[in-house]
Amino acid sequence: MSDTSKNATLTIGDNTYDLPIYTPTAGPDVIDIRKLYAQAGVFTYDPGFTSTAACDSTITFIDGDKGELLHRGYPIDQLAEKSHYLEVCFLLLYGYLPEAAELERFERTITQHTMIHEQMHNFFRGFRRDAHPMAIMVGAVGAMAAFYHDSTDITNEREREIATHRLIAKVPTIAAMAYKYSVGQPFVYPRNDLDYAANFLHMCFAVPAEEYQVDPILARAMDRIFTLHADHEQNASTSTVRLASSSGANPFACIAAGIACLWGPAHGGANQACLEMLKEIGTPDRIPEYIARAKDKNDPFRLMGFGHRVYKNFDPRATVMKQSADEVLDLLGVENNPILATAKELEKAALADPYFAEKKLFPNVDFYSGIILEAMGFPTSMFTPIFALSRTVGWISQWKEQLADPQMKIGRPRQLYQGDTARDYVDIEKR
């Protein structure tokens, strides 16, 4: 962070305070209030931290007004179109696009670490058969610290690197095992001859009774889902990982904390909510009714998967995801799936309606990813675990960056206290 000659002046009563202003490489200026309490004896009030920069970062930048998402400066649509997930992982982790030999070494390292400790299988069997896959994910990833003691020392650079590789390699295995456990099928071991996305699909859908071939179109669509969800700046789950990390917690605990936060329906459950909405609509002939309800301010119904809290324009990830959705639906068809048929018709109706265009309520990445995952055969309960799998590398990149930051302090948000002031304890017989 570089200081500038610009300052902001804050006046409180008869006193004024000069606050430094930092200018980022992109985005709005930031006022430094770190010394405000020491100098003026006041805190700032910002519920949700929506106007507060809690860190400086070089990883991901979002301009919601322009509909722009950059990873290390590279536009997400270019990465999704021309690159693949493990190369994007390398980019997020190390800050540059690798040469061929570097990428090959990285991919080989990840591939050779996809198996989990065999004793962890017993850990899975401790869950009820109807446990939500996200509950299993939170527990299993947190439990990795009990199995991999040689990569929990956050002060050791080599151990941080080992933990990084292990998490990227093993979280897909854990997610697939959570799915298999939830449907009562035997676990399928990873295969080193498959790429990252194809291997995940194989672990989810292969069974011992017959051969399973991963369709390359489905593998490519899965890889794009991973890529488009790899990182998204300082959102709730990423901030949770950073806050957990600030206490010195081990990497597995930090990522488990991120998974727990992502589980919330307001965060990682958006594509699941979209599919549940499509199920509620039911059939294409009911779309006009629901379009009318979405326009009615007095009706609680909202179109899920349209618009985005951050993007005030078109979600830059949605364009690429739409292409994958079209390819997957062409491959698998929609004739026998009313949910997918409804989704395609709803997309057409919303894009053709001036109301949604004026309000910039375009289909977002969650709309298309939900359609793809439904078409592939995943239950909605697996949508968020797949999101967690994808986002693991973003969390780890942010975790590594924070640990290397000399300005890192343990997180300690303040509060606007509205409770009782000091009062004396009253003995129970006198109350």
Protein backbone atom coordinates (compact mmCIF):
# COMPACT_ATOMS: atom_id res chain seq x y z
CA MET A 1 0.00 0.00 0.00
CA SER A 2 1.52 3.32 -1.07
CA ASP A 3 0.73 6.57 0.69
CA THR A 4 -0.28 9.66 -1.27
CA SER A 5 -0.35 13.37 -0.61
CA LYS A 6 -4.14 13.30 -0.36
CA ASN A 7 -5.83 13.55 3.01
CA ALA A 8 -9.38 13.62 4.32
CA THR A 9 -10.30 16.04 7.11
CA LEU A 10 -12.73 14.85 9.77
CA THR A 11 -14.30 17.43 12.06
CA ILE A 12 -15.70 16.33 15.42
CA GLY A 13 -16.90 19.29 17.49
CA ASP A 14 -14.05 21.80 17.65
CA ASN A 15 -11.39 19.30 16.65
CA THR A 16 -10.23 18.28 13.18
CA TYR A 17 -8.29 15.19 12.21
CA ASP A 18 -6.30 14.48 9.06
CA LEU A 19 -6.81 10.97 7.69
CA PRO A 20 -4.54 9.61 4.94
CA ILE A 21 -6.16 8.59 1.65
CA TYR A 22 -4.78 5.66 -0.34
CA THR A 23 -5.33 5.32 -4.07
CA PRO A 24 -5.54 1.71 -5.33
CA THR A 25 -4.54 0.56 -8.80
CA ALA A 26 -8.28 0.15 -9.47
CA GLY A 27 -11.41 1.03 -7.56
CA PRO A 28 -12.34 3.90 -5.21
CA ASP A 29 -9.92 5.67 -2.88
CA VAL A 30 -9.69 4.40 0.69
CA ILE A 31 -9.56 6.55 3.84
CA ASP A 32 -7.21 5.16 6.51
CA ILE A 33 -9.01 5.26 9.88
CA ARG A 34 -6.64 2.99 11.80
CA LYS A 35 -5.55 5.78 14.17
CA LEU A 36 -8.98 7.38 14.48
CA TYR A 37 -9.82 5.83 17.85
CA ALA A 38 -6.43 6.67 19.34
CA GLN A 39 -6.66 10.27 18.14
CA ALA A 40 -10.36 11.07 18.42
CA GLY A 41 -11.76 8.38 20.72
CA VAL A 42 -14.45 7.29 18.23
CA PHE A 43 -15.18 4.22 16.11
CA THR A 44 -16.84 4.05 12.70
CA TYR A 45 -20.17 2.26 12.26
CA ASP A 46 -20.50 0.02 9.20
CA PRO A 47 -22.79 -3.04 9.62
CA GLY A 48 -21.77 -5.72 7.16
CA PHE A 49 -18.49 -3.87 6.48
CA THR A 50 -19.87 -2.89 3.08
CA SER A 51 -17.94 0.41 3.08
CA THR A 52 -14.81 -0.82 4.87
CA ALA A 53 -11.59 -2.17 3.38
CA ALA A 54 -10.24 -4.69 5.89
CA CYS A 55 -7.12 -5.55 3.88
CA ASP A 56 -5.15 -4.72 0.78
CA SER A 57 -4.93 -7.44 -1.84
CA THR A 58 -3.46 -8.15 -5.26
CA ILE A 59 -5.55 -11.20 -6.11
CA THR A 60 -9.02 -10.30 -7.40
CA PHE A 61 -10.74 -7.06 -8.44
CA ILE A 62 -14.44 -6.52 -9.11
CA ASP A 63 -16.07 -3.48 -10.69
CA GLY A 64 -19.76 -4.12 -10.24
CA ASP A 65 -20.89 -1.14 -12.31
CA LYS A 66 -18.85 -2.23 -15.32
CA GLY A 67 -19.55 -5.93 -14.82
CA GLU A 68 -15.82 -6.65 -14.52
CA LEU A 69 -14.05 -9.46 -12.66
CA LEU A 70 -10.26 -9.72 -12.85
CA HIS A 71 -7.98 -12.40 -11.40
CA ARG A 72 -4.45 -10.95 -11.13
CA GLY A 73 -5.54 -8.54 -13.87
CA TYR A 74 -6.87 -11.17 -16.28
CA PRO A 75 -10.60 -10.90 -17.21
CA ILE A 76 -12.64 -13.87 -16.03
CA ASP A 77 -14.22 -14.44 -19.45
CA GLN A 78 -10.77 -14.87 -21.04
CA LEU A 79 -9.68 -17.28 -18.32
CA ALA A 80 -12.87 -19.33 -18.58
CA GLU A 81 -12.66 -19.45 -22.37
CA LYS A 82 -8.94 -20.03 -22.91
CA SER A 83 -7.60 -21.48 -19.66
CA HIS A 84 -8.65 -24.24 -17.27
CA TYR A 85 -9.18 -24.53 -13.53
CA LEU A 86 -5.75 -25.73 -12.39
CA GLU A 87 -4.01 -23.04 -14.42
CA VAL A 88 -6.31 -20.47 -12.78
CA CYS A 89 -5.39 -22.02 -9.42
CA PHE A 90 -1.72 -21.45 -10.19
CA LEU A 91 -2.48 -17.87 -11.26
CA LEU A 92 -4.39 -17.08 -8.07
CA LEU A 93 -1.76 -18.68 -5.85
CA TYR A 94 1.40 -17.31 -7.43
CA GLY A 95 0.32 -14.20 -9.31
CA TYR A 96 1.29 -15.10 -12.88
CA LEU A 97 0.39 -17.50 -15.68
CA PRO A 98 2.79 -20.47 -15.60
CA GLU A 99 5.01 -21.71 -18.37
CA ALA A 100 4.22 -25.18 -19.70
CA ALA A 101 6.77 -26.97 -17.51
CA GLU A 102 5.62 -25.13 -14.38
CA LEU A 103 1.99 -25.97 -15.05
CA GLU A 104 2.82 -29.61 -15.71
CA ARG A 105 4.65 -29.87 -12.35
CA PHE A 106 1.79 -28.19 -10.54
CA GLU A 107 -0.84 -30.42 -12.13
CA ARG A 108 1.23 -33.52 -11.34
CA THR A 109 1.60 -32.45 -7.71
CA ILE A 110 -2.15 -31.91 -7.33
CA THR A 111 -2.98 -35.18 -9.09
CA GLN A 112 -0.66 -37.17 -6.83
CA HIS A 113 -2.30 -35.82 -3.66
CA THR A 114 -5.96 -36.51 -4.43
CA MET A 115 -6.32 -39.54 -2.15
CA ILE A 116 -7.26 -38.90 1.47
CA HIS A 117 -5.94 -40.79 4.48
CA GLU A 118 -7.69 -44.17 4.60
CA GLN A 119 -8.67 -43.70 8.24
CA MET A 120 -10.78 -40.70 7.22
CA HIS A 121 -13.26 -43.14 5.66
CA ASN A 122 -14.26 -44.09 9.21
CA PHE A 123 -14.88 -40.43 9.96
CA PHE A 124 -17.48 -40.26 7.19
CA ARG A 125 -19.33 -43.27 8.57
CA GLY A 126 -19.90 -41.42 11.83
CA PHE A 127 -22.44 -39.18 10.10
CA ARG A 128 -26.09 -40.10 9.71
CA ARG A 129 -27.01 -41.37 6.28
CA ASP A 130 -29.25 -38.34 5.68
CA ALA A 131 -26.60 -35.79 6.69
CA HIS A 132 -26.34 -32.80 4.38
CA PRO A 133 -23.15 -32.98 2.28
CA MET A 134 -22.13 -29.52 3.53
CA ALA A 135 -22.26 -30.72 7.13
CA ILE A 136 -19.92 -33.55 6.14
CA MET A 137 -17.66 -31.12 4.25
CA VAL A 138 -17.28 -28.81 7.25
CA GLY A 139 -16.42 -31.71 9.53
CA ALA A 140 -14.15 -33.62 7.15
CA VAL A 141 -12.09 -30.63 6.03
CA GLY A 142 -11.67 -29.45 9.62
CA ALA A 143 -10.62 -32.99 10.57
CA MET A 144 -7.77 -32.91 8.05
CA ALA A 145 -5.74 -31.11 10.73
CA ALA A 146 -5.94 -34.32 12.79
CA PHE A 147 -4.44 -36.37 9.95
CA TYR A 148 -1.87 -34.06 8.35
CA HIS A 149 0.22 -32.73 11.25
CA ASP A 150 3.15 -31.97 8.97
CA SER A 151 1.36 -29.06 7.29
CA THR A 152 -0.25 -27.08 10.11
CA ASP A 153 2.65 -24.79 11.09
CA ILE A 154 1.64 -21.53 9.45
CA THR A 155 5.05 -19.95 10.16
CA ASN A 156 6.76 -22.55 7.95
CA GLU A 157 6.63 -21.62 4.26
CA ARG A 158 7.12 -25.22 3.10
CA GLU A 159 4.30 -26.48 5.32
CA ARG A 160 2.01 -23.75 4.00
CA GLU A 161 2.79 -24.93 0.46
CA ILE A 162 2.08 -28.57 1.35
CA ALA A 163 -1.23 -27.60 2.96
CA THR A 164 -2.13 -25.59 -0.14
CA HIS A 165 -1.56 -28.55 -2.46
CA ARG A 166 -3.35 -30.96 -0.15
CA LEU A 167 -6.46 -28.83 0.12
CA ILE A 168 -6.78 -28.20 -3.63
CA ALA A 169 -6.20 -31.91 -4.31
CA LYS A 170 -8.28 -33.49 -1.56
CA VAL A 171 -11.36 -31.26 -1.22
CA PRO A 172 -12.84 -32.68 -4.49
CA THR A 173 -12.33 -36.17 -3.09
CA ILE A 174 -14.05 -35.19 0.16
CA ALA A 175 -16.93 -33.54 -1.73
CA ALA A 176 -17.41 -36.63 -3.90
CA MET A 177 -17.31 -38.89 -0.85
CA ALA A 178 -19.91 -36.71 0.88
CA TYR A 179 -22.15 -37.17 -2.17
CA LYS A 180 -21.58 -40.92 -2.36
CA TYR A 181 -22.28 -41.29 1.35
CA SER A 182 -25.52 -39.30 1.05
CA VAL A 183 -26.85 -41.62 -1.68
CA GLY A 184 -25.65 -44.84 -0.06
CA GLN A 185 -23.11 -45.79 -2.72
CA PRO A 186 -19.51 -46.96 -2.12
CA PHE A 187 -16.72 -44.43 -2.27
CA VAL A 188 -14.87 -44.22 -5.58
CA TYR A 189 -11.13 -43.61 -5.40
CA PRO A 190 -9.56 -40.85 -7.51
CA ARG A 191 -7.82 -41.73 -10.76
CA ASN A 192 -4.53 -40.14 -11.76
CA ASP A 193 -5.18 -40.62 -15.47
CA LEU A 194 -8.09 -38.13 -15.44
CA ASP A 195 -7.94 -34.36 -15.31
CA TYR A 196 -9.23 -32.43 -12.30
CA ALA A 197 -12.85 -31.95 -13.42
CA ALA A 198 -13.20 -35.37 -15.06
CA ASN A 199 -11.80 -37.02 -11.95
CA PHE A 200 -14.42 -35.31 -9.78
CA LEU A 201 -17.24 -36.43 -12.05
CA HIS A 202 -15.86 -39.96 -12.07
CA MET A 203 -15.70 -40.05 -8.25
CA CYS A 204 -19.31 -38.83 -8.08
CA PHE A 205 -20.98 -40.97 -10.73
CA ALA A 206 -18.89 -44.12 -11.26
CA VAL A 207 -19.99 -47.35 -9.57
CA PRO A 208 -18.06 -50.63 -9.17
CA ALA A 209 -20.66 -52.58 -11.18
CA GLU A 210 -19.90 -51.02 -14.55
CA GLU A 211 -17.53 -48.84 -16.52
CA TYR A 212 -18.14 -45.06 -16.44
CA GLN A 213 -16.81 -42.80 -19.17
CA VAL A 214 -16.72 -39.05 -18.49
CA ASP A 215 -18.11 -37.08 -21.42
CA PRO A 216 -15.61 -34.34 -22.37
CA ILE A 217 -18.42 -31.77 -22.78
CA LEU A 218 -19.55 -32.41 -19.22
CA ALA A 219 -15.97 -32.32 -17.94
CA ARG A 220 -15.39 -28.99 -19.69
CA ALA A 221 -18.60 -27.57 -18.22
CA MET A 222 -17.57 -28.76 -14.76
CA ASP A 223 -14.15 -27.19 -15.19
CA ARG A 224 -15.78 -23.88 -16.12
CA ILE A 225 -17.99 -24.00 -13.04
CA PHE A 226 -14.85 -24.48 -10.95
CA THR A 227 -13.06 -21.64 -12.76
CA LEU A 228 -15.91 -19.15 -12.56
CA HIS A 229 -16.28 -19.69 -8.81
CA ALA A 230 -12.56 -19.78 -7.94
CA ASP A 231 -12.44 -16.41 -6.19
CA HIS A 232 -14.67 -13.39 -5.76
CA GLU A 233 -12.76 -10.83 -3.72
CA GLN A 234 -13.65 -10.07 -0.05
CA ASN A 235 -17.05 -11.75 0.22
CA ALA A 236 -18.51 -13.23 3.42
CA SER A 237 -16.76 -16.62 3.28
CA THR A 238 -13.41 -15.16 2.18
CA SER A 239 -13.59 -12.61 4.99
CA THR A 240 -14.39 -15.48 7.36
CA VAL A 241 -11.28 -17.36 6.24
CA ARG A 242 -9.18 -14.22 6.72
CA LEU A 243 -10.67 -13.57 10.16
CA ALA A 244 -10.04 -17.17 11.27
CA SER A 245 -6.52 -16.98 9.85
CA SER A 246 -5.78 -13.76 11.75
CA SER A 247 -5.90 -15.74 15.01
CA GLY A 248 -3.19 -18.11 13.78
CA ALA A 249 -5.57 -21.02 13.16
CA ASN A 250 -4.29 -23.90 11.01
CA PRO A 251 -5.18 -23.85 7.29
CA PHE A 252 -7.67 -26.73 7.48
CA ALA A 253 -9.62 -24.99 10.25
CA CYS A 254 -9.64 -21.75 8.23
CA ILE A 255 -11.01 -23.43 5.11
CA ALA A 256 -13.60 -25.32 7.17
CA ALA A 257 -14.72 -21.94 8.55
CA GLY A 258 -15.08 -20.65 4.98
CA ILE A 259 -17.15 -23.70 4.03
CA ALA A 260 -19.42 -23.16 7.04
CA CYS A 261 -20.01 -19.53 6.02
CA LEU A 262 -20.62 -20.50 2.40
CA TRP A 263 -23.35 -22.87 3.55
CA GLY A 264 -25.63 -19.91 4.25
CA PRO A 265 -28.48 -19.55 1.72
CA ALA A 266 -27.66 -15.85 1.25
CA HIS A 267 -24.16 -16.79 0.04
CA GLY A 268 -23.35 -20.17 -1.49
CA GLY A 269 -26.89 -21.44 -1.71
CA ALA A 270 -28.00 -19.10 -4.50
CA ASN A 271 -27.94 -21.68 -7.29
CA GLN A 272 -29.84 -24.12 -5.09
CA ALA A 273 -32.46 -21.43 -4.44
CA CYS A 274 -32.68 -20.89 -8.21
CA LEU A 275 -33.47 -24.56 -8.84
CA GLU A 276 -36.03 -24.60 -6.04
CA MET A 277 -37.70 -21.61 -7.70
CA LEU A 278 -37.81 -23.46 -11.03
CA LYS A 279 -39.40 -26.42 -9.30
CA GLU A 280 -42.01 -24.08 -7.81
CA ILE A 281 -42.82 -22.66 -11.25
CA GLY A 282 -43.09 -26.22 -12.48
CA THR A 283 -43.85 -25.94 -16.19
CA PRO A 284 -43.20 -23.35 -18.94
CA ASP A 285 -46.88 -22.42 -19.25
CA ARG A 286 -46.79 -20.90 -15.73
CA ILE A 287 -43.89 -18.53 -16.51
CA PRO A 288 -46.08 -15.48 -17.40
CA GLU A 289 -47.75 -15.77 -13.99
CA TYR A 290 -44.42 -15.75 -12.17
CA ILE A 291 -42.99 -12.99 -14.35
CA ALA A 292 -45.98 -10.85 -13.35
CA ARG A 293 -45.45 -11.73 -9.68
CA ALA A 294 -41.77 -10.76 -9.90
CA LYS A 295 -42.80 -7.30 -11.15
CA ASP A 296 -45.33 -6.83 -8.34
CA LYS A 297 -43.66 -4.99 -5.45
CA ASN A 298 -46.32 -6.26 -3.06
CA ASP A 299 -45.65 -9.91 -3.93
CA PRO A 300 -42.85 -11.58 -1.92
CA PHE A 301 -41.86 -13.74 -4.90
CA ARG A 302 -38.50 -12.88 -6.48
CA LEU A 303 -36.78 -14.33 -9.52
CA MET A 304 -33.76 -16.18 -8.14
CA GLY A 305 -30.69 -16.31 -10.37
CA PHE A 306 -31.36 -12.90 -11.92
CA GLY A 307 -29.31 -9.83 -11.04
CA HIS A 308 -26.45 -9.79 -8.53
CA ARG A 309 -25.68 -7.87 -5.36
CA VAL A 310 -22.23 -6.88 -6.65
CA TYR A 311 -22.80 -6.59 -10.39
CA LYS A 312 -25.03 -3.69 -11.38
CA ASN A 313 -24.65 -4.79 -14.97
CA PHE A 314 -24.34 -8.21 -16.59
CA ASP A 315 -22.51 -10.80 -14.49
CA PRO A 316 -19.28 -11.33 -16.51
CA ARG A 317 -19.24 -15.01 -15.53
CA ALA A 318 -22.75 -15.60 -16.87
CA THR A 319 -21.86 -15.25 -20.57
CA VAL A 320 -19.38 -18.12 -20.47
CA MET A 321 -21.61 -20.19 -18.20
CA LYS A 322 -24.53 -19.75 -20.60
CA GLN A 323 -22.40 -21.21 -23.39
CA SER A 324 -21.64 -24.25 -21.24
CA ALA A 325 -25.29 -24.58 -20.24
CA ASP A 326 -26.35 -24.59 -23.89
CA GLU A 327 -23.72 -27.24 -24.71
CA VAL A 328 -24.76 -29.45 -21.80
CA LEU A 329 -28.47 -29.17 -22.58
CA ASP A 330 -27.82 -29.92 -26.25
CA LEU A 331 -25.90 -33.03 -25.18
CA LEU A 332 -28.33 -34.29 -22.53
CA GLY A 333 -31.58 -32.81 -23.82
CA VAL A 334 -34.41 -31.21 -21.88
CA GLU A 335 -37.36 -33.13 -23.27
CA ASN A 336 -37.82 -35.31 -20.20
CA ASN A 337 -36.84 -32.71 -17.61
CA PRO A 338 -39.53 -30.07 -16.98
CA ILE A 339 -37.19 -28.08 -14.70
CA LEU A 340 -34.67 -27.55 -17.49
CA ALA A 341 -37.37 -26.80 -20.03
CA THR A 342 -38.79 -24.21 -17.65
CA ALA A 343 -35.35 -22.71 -17.13
CA LYS A 344 -34.75 -22.22 -20.85
CA GLU A 345 -38.15 -20.61 -21.36
CA LEU A 346 -37.75 -18.39 -18.29
CA GLU A 347 -34.39 -17.19 -19.60
CA LYS A 348 -35.97 -16.22 -22.93
CA ALA A 349 -38.95 -14.50 -21.30
CA ALA A 350 -36.85 -12.46 -18.88
CA LEU A 351 -34.32 -11.36 -21.50
CA ALA A 352 -37.15 -10.23 -23.80
CA ASP A 353 -38.96 -8.25 -21.09
CA PRO A 354 -38.07 -4.50 -20.95
CA TYR A 355 -38.78 -4.45 -17.19
CA PHE A 356 -35.83 -6.75 -16.42
CA ALA A 357 -33.56 -5.03 -18.95
CA GLU A 358 -34.22 -1.60 -17.41
CA LYS A 359 -33.44 -2.91 -13.92
CA LYS A 360 -30.45 -4.88 -15.26
CA LEU A 361 -31.85 -8.12 -13.89
CA PHE A 362 -29.97 -10.43 -16.22
CA PRO A 363 -29.42 -14.16 -15.59
CA ASN A 364 -26.35 -14.55 -13.39
CA VAL A 365 -23.79 -17.30 -12.93
CA ASP A 366 -25.95 -19.07 -10.33
CA PHE A 367 -28.83 -19.41 -12.79
CA TYR A 368 -26.70 -21.18 -15.39
CA SER A 369 -24.57 -23.24 -12.99
CA GLY A 370 -27.71 -24.55 -11.32
CA ILE A 371 -29.10 -25.60 -14.70
CA ILE A 372 -25.85 -27.39 -15.59
CA LEU A 373 -25.57 -29.23 -12.28
CA GLU A 374 -29.23 -30.29 -12.45
CA ALA A 375 -28.72 -31.58 -15.98
CA MET A 376 -25.63 -33.54 -14.91
CA GLY A 377 -27.67 -35.31 -12.26
CA PHE A 378 -26.47 -33.62 -9.08
CA PRO A 379 -29.11 -33.12 -6.35
CA THR A 380 -29.51 -29.55 -5.14
CA SER A 381 -27.87 -30.53 -1.84
CA MET A 382 -24.58 -30.91 -3.76
CA PHE A 383 -24.63 -27.46 -5.36
CA THR A 384 -23.03 -25.68 -2.41
CA PRO A 385 -20.36 -28.37 -1.80
CA ILE A 386 -19.32 -27.97 -5.45
CA PHE A 387 -19.17 -24.21 -4.88
CA ALA A 388 -16.97 -24.83 -1.81
CA LEU A 389 -14.71 -27.11 -3.86
CA SER A 390 -14.33 -24.39 -6.49
CA ARG A 391 -13.71 -21.59 -3.99
CA THR A 392 -11.08 -23.49 -1.97
CA VAL A 393 -8.24 -22.11 -4.07
CA GLY A 394 -9.50 -18.55 -3.64
CA TRP A 395 -9.68 -18.97 0.12
CA ILE A 396 -6.17 -20.46 0.20
CA SER A 397 -4.78 -17.66 -1.98
CA GLN A 398 -6.28 -15.06 0.35
CA TRP A 399 -5.02 -17.01 3.38
CA LYS A 400 -1.46 -17.14 2.01
CA GLU A 401 -1.53 -13.45 1.10
CA GLN A 402 -2.69 -12.46 4.56
CA LEU A 403 -0.01 -14.51 6.33
CA ALA A 404 2.65 -12.76 4.24
CA ASP A 405 1.24 -9.30 5.05
CA PRO A 406 3.37 -7.47 7.67
CA GLN A 407 0.31 -5.38 8.57
CA MET A 408 -1.74 -8.43 9.61
CA LYS A 409 -3.43 -8.17 13.00
CA ILE A 410 -5.98 -10.39 14.67
CA GLY A 411 -9.43 -9.32 13.61
CA ARG A 412 -11.30 -7.31 16.22
CA PRO A 413 -14.42 -5.54 14.91
CA ARG A 414 -15.95 -2.93 17.22
CA GLN A 415 -19.56 -2.40 18.20
CA LEU A 416 -22.17 0.24 18.88
CA TYR A 417 -23.19 -0.91 22.35
CA GLN A 418 -26.89 -0.41 23.14
CA GLY A 419 -27.20 -2.51 26.28
CA ASP A 420 -27.43 -1.71 30.00
CA THR A 421 -24.68 0.20 31.73
CA ALA A 422 -22.99 -1.14 34.90
CA ARG A 423 -25.37 -2.31 37.61
CA ASP A 424 -24.94 -4.26 40.84
CA TYR A 425 -25.79 -7.92 41.23
CA VAL A 426 -28.93 -8.60 43.26
CA ASP A 427 -29.06 -11.73 45.41
CA ILE A 428 -31.71 -14.21 44.27
CA GLU A 429 -33.83 -13.92 47.41
CA LYS A 430 -34.17 -10.16 46.89
CA ARG A 431 -35.31 -10.26 43.26
